[in-house]
Amino acid sequence: MKKYQDIRTFDELIELEHGKIGTESRNKYEEGSQMFIVSEMLKEARKEANLTQEQLAEKAGTKKSYISKLENAKGNIQLSTLIRIFEQGLGRKIGLTFL
């Protein structure tokens, strides 16, 4: 716990645990964080649409196992597939922001 005593912000904590921005470990952490966010958004949107994973997969032209992997942040996803799942499967639009 001693290494945390001077930590005052979340950014400092992330840097301590995962390294500075641009390092391999930090990039890996950031990628995992983004995948988690996407997975939670997908899961929430599917539940709001009252669809099972199987129903969503059918509407989006993919497999239930793929939807499950995405919702559990276990799979890689192509942008075109993500768009198809949200637009064809859920009737939603996707917007991207690059920082």
C-alpha atoms as a PDB file:
ATOM      1  CA  MET A   1       0.000   0.000   0.000  1.00  0.00           C
ATOM      2  CA  LYS A   2       2.997   2.272   0.450  1.00  0.00           C
ATOM      3  CA  LYS A   3       3.356   2.791  -3.311  1.00  0.00           C
ATOM      4  CA  TYR A   4      -0.151   4.310  -3.378  1.00  0.00           C
ATOM      5  CA  GLN A   5       0.288   6.837  -0.581  1.00  0.00           C
ATOM      6  CA  ASP A   6       1.194   9.736  -2.908  1.00  0.00           C
ATOM      7  CA  ILE A   7      -1.468   8.974  -5.519  1.00  0.00           C
ATOM      8  CA  ARG A   8      -3.997  11.808  -5.763  1.00  0.00           C
ATOM      9  CA  THR A   9      -5.736  11.297  -9.108  1.00  0.00           C
ATOM     10  CA  PHE A  10      -7.095   8.454 -11.191  1.00  0.00           C
ATOM     11  CA  ASP A  11      -4.626   9.303 -13.964  1.00  0.00           C
ATOM     12  CA  GLU A  12      -1.733   8.922 -11.527  1.00  0.00           C
ATOM     13  CA  LEU A  13      -3.076   5.539 -10.435  1.00  0.00           C
ATOM     14  CA  ILE A  14      -3.426   4.330 -14.022  1.00  0.00           C
ATOM     15  CA  GLU A  15       0.100   5.499 -14.807  1.00  0.00           C
ATOM     16  CA  LEU A  16       1.472   3.735 -11.736  1.00  0.00           C
ATOM     17  CA  GLU A  17      -0.324   0.482 -12.551  1.00  0.00           C
ATOM     18  CA  HIS A  18      -0.050   0.456 -16.357  1.00  0.00           C
ATOM     19  CA  GLY A  19       2.747   2.822 -17.329  1.00  0.00           C
ATOM     20  CA  LYS A  20       2.930   6.086 -19.198  1.00  0.00           C
ATOM     21  CA  ILE A  21       0.810   6.798 -22.274  1.00  0.00           C
ATOM     22  CA  GLY A  22       2.424   5.197 -25.301  1.00  0.00           C
ATOM     23  CA  THR A  23       4.092   2.311 -23.493  1.00  0.00           C
ATOM     24  CA  GLU A  24       3.186  -1.235 -24.491  1.00  0.00           C
ATOM     25  CA  SER A  25       1.590  -2.038 -21.129  1.00  0.00           C
ATOM     26  CA  ARG A  26      -0.477   1.152 -21.163  1.00  0.00           C
ATOM     27  CA  ASN A  27      -1.613   0.535 -24.744  1.00  0.00           C
ATOM     28  CA  LYS A  28      -2.705  -2.977 -23.785  1.00  0.00           C
ATOM     29  CA  TYR A  29      -4.644  -1.608 -20.803  1.00  0.00           C
ATOM     30  CA  GLU A  30      -6.312   1.088 -22.936  1.00  0.00           C
ATOM     31  CA  GLU A  31      -7.305  -1.452 -25.587  1.00  0.00           C
ATOM     32  CA  GLY A  32      -8.840  -3.723 -22.960  1.00  0.00           C
ATOM     33  CA  SER A  33     -10.698  -0.797 -21.411  1.00  0.00           C
ATOM     34  CA  GLN A  34     -12.172   0.221 -24.750  1.00  0.00           C
ATOM     35  CA  MET A  35     -13.252  -3.348 -25.492  1.00  0.00           C
ATOM     36  CA  PHE A  36     -14.926  -3.534 -22.092  1.00  0.00           C
ATOM     37  CA  ILE A  37     -16.845  -0.320 -22.781  1.00  0.00           C
ATOM     38  CA  VAL A  38     -17.997  -1.558 -26.195  1.00  0.00           C
ATOM     39  CA  SER A  39     -19.039  -4.895 -24.696  1.00  0.00           C
ATOM     40  CA  GLU A  40     -21.121  -3.204 -22.009  1.00  0.00           C
ATOM     41  CA  MET A  41     -22.750  -0.882 -24.547  1.00  0.00           C
ATOM     42  CA  LEU A  42     -23.635  -3.847 -26.756  1.00  0.00           C
ATOM     43  CA  LYS A  43     -25.054  -5.840 -23.854  1.00  0.00           C
ATOM     44  CA  GLU A  44     -27.136  -2.887 -22.641  1.00  0.00           C
ATOM     45  CA  ALA A  45     -28.463  -2.093 -26.132  1.00  0.00           C
ATOM     46  CA  ARG A  46     -29.395  -5.736 -26.719  1.00  0.00           C
ATOM     47  CA  LYS A  47     -31.265  -5.935 -23.418  1.00  0.00           C
ATOM     48  CA  GLU A  48     -33.067  -2.637 -24.117  1.00  0.00           C
ATOM     49  CA  ALA A  49     -34.173  -4.118 -27.456  1.00  0.00           C
ATOM     50  CA  ASN A  50     -35.468  -7.189 -25.585  1.00  0.00           C
ATOM     51  CA  LEU A  51     -33.387  -9.517 -27.729  1.00  0.00           C
ATOM     52  CA  THR A  52     -31.524 -12.643 -26.778  1.00  0.00           C
ATOM     53  CA  GLN A  53     -27.984 -13.084 -28.011  1.00  0.00           C
ATOM     54  CA  GLU A  54     -29.310 -15.636 -30.495  1.00  0.00           C
ATOM     55  CA  GLN A  55     -31.962 -13.253 -31.834  1.00  0.00           C
ATOM     56  CA  LEU A  56     -29.427 -10.449 -32.212  1.00  0.00           C
ATOM     57  CA  ALA A  57     -26.992 -12.756 -33.975  1.00  0.00           C
ATOM     58  CA  GLU A  58     -29.675 -13.820 -36.427  1.00  0.00           C
ATOM     59  CA  LYS A  59     -30.671 -10.224 -37.196  1.00  0.00           C
ATOM     60  CA  ALA A  60     -27.039  -9.164 -37.625  1.00  0.00           C
ATOM     61  CA  GLY A  61     -26.001 -12.167 -39.681  1.00  0.00           C
ATOM     62  CA  THR A  62     -23.551 -13.624 -37.198  1.00  0.00           C
ATOM     63  CA  LYS A  63     -23.462 -16.367 -34.551  1.00  0.00           C
ATOM     64  CA  LYS A  64     -24.653 -16.336 -30.961  1.00  0.00           C
ATOM     65  CA  SER A  65     -21.197 -17.430 -29.801  1.00  0.00           C
ATOM     66  CA  TYR A  66     -19.707 -14.331 -31.454  1.00  0.00           C
ATOM     67  CA  ILE A  67     -22.195 -12.019 -29.710  1.00  0.00           C
ATOM     68  CA  SER A  68     -21.395 -13.761 -26.422  1.00  0.00           C
ATOM     69  CA  LYS A  69     -17.641 -13.275 -26.918  1.00  0.00           C
ATOM     70  CA  LEU A  70     -18.161  -9.598 -27.675  1.00  0.00           C
ATOM     71  CA  GLU A  71     -20.409  -9.065 -24.660  1.00  0.00           C
ATOM     72  CA  ASN A  72     -17.758 -10.686 -22.479  1.00  0.00           C
ATOM     73  CA  ALA A  73     -14.964  -8.579 -24.031  1.00  0.00           C
ATOM     74  CA  LYS A  74     -13.258 -11.765 -25.225  1.00  0.00           C
ATOM     75  CA  GLY A  75     -13.191 -11.294 -28.976  1.00  0.00           C
ATOM     76  CA  ASN A  76     -11.712  -8.942 -31.484  1.00  0.00           C
ATOM     77  CA  ILE A  77     -14.208  -7.105 -33.589  1.00  0.00           C
ATOM     78  CA  GLN A  78     -13.989  -5.540 -36.994  1.00  0.00           C
ATOM     79  CA  LEU A  79     -15.545  -2.114 -37.308  1.00  0.00           C
ATOM     80  CA  SER A  80     -17.780  -3.278 -40.164  1.00  0.00           C
ATOM     81  CA  THR A  81     -19.124  -6.097 -37.974  1.00  0.00           C
ATOM     82  CA  LEU A  82     -19.733  -3.758 -35.040  1.00  0.00           C
ATOM     83  CA  ILE A  83     -21.655  -1.388 -37.309  1.00  0.00           C
ATOM     84  CA  ARG A  84     -23.710  -4.259 -38.732  1.00  0.00           C
ATOM     85  CA  ILE A  85     -24.588  -5.553 -35.251  1.00  0.00           C
ATOM     86  CA  PHE A  86     -25.738  -2.142 -34.044  1.00  0.00           C
ATOM     87  CA  GLU A  87     -27.432  -0.980 -37.252  1.00  0.00           C
ATOM     88  CA  GLN A  88     -28.987  -4.174 -38.619  1.00  0.00           C
ATOM     89  CA  GLY A  89     -29.332  -6.047 -35.361  1.00  0.00           C
ATOM     90  CA  LEU A  90     -30.357  -3.237 -33.022  1.00  0.00           C
ATOM     91  CA  GLY A  91     -31.567  -0.464 -35.335  1.00  0.00           C
ATOM     92  CA  ARG A  92     -29.024   1.962 -33.889  1.00  0.00           C
ATOM     93  CA  LYS A  93     -26.375   4.198 -35.400  1.00  0.00           C
ATOM     94  CA  ILE A  94     -22.730   4.259 -34.359  1.00  0.00           C
ATOM     95  CA  GLY A  95     -20.695   7.426 -34.001  1.00  0.00           C
ATOM     96  CA  LEU A  96     -16.935   7.449 -33.597  1.00  0.00           C
ATOM     97  CA  THR A  97     -14.730  10.034 -31.998  1.00  0.00           C
ATOM     98  CA  PHE A  98     -10.978  10.097 -32.491  1.00  0.00           C
ATOM     99  CA  LEU A  99      -8.925  11.932 -29.872  1.00  0.00           C
END
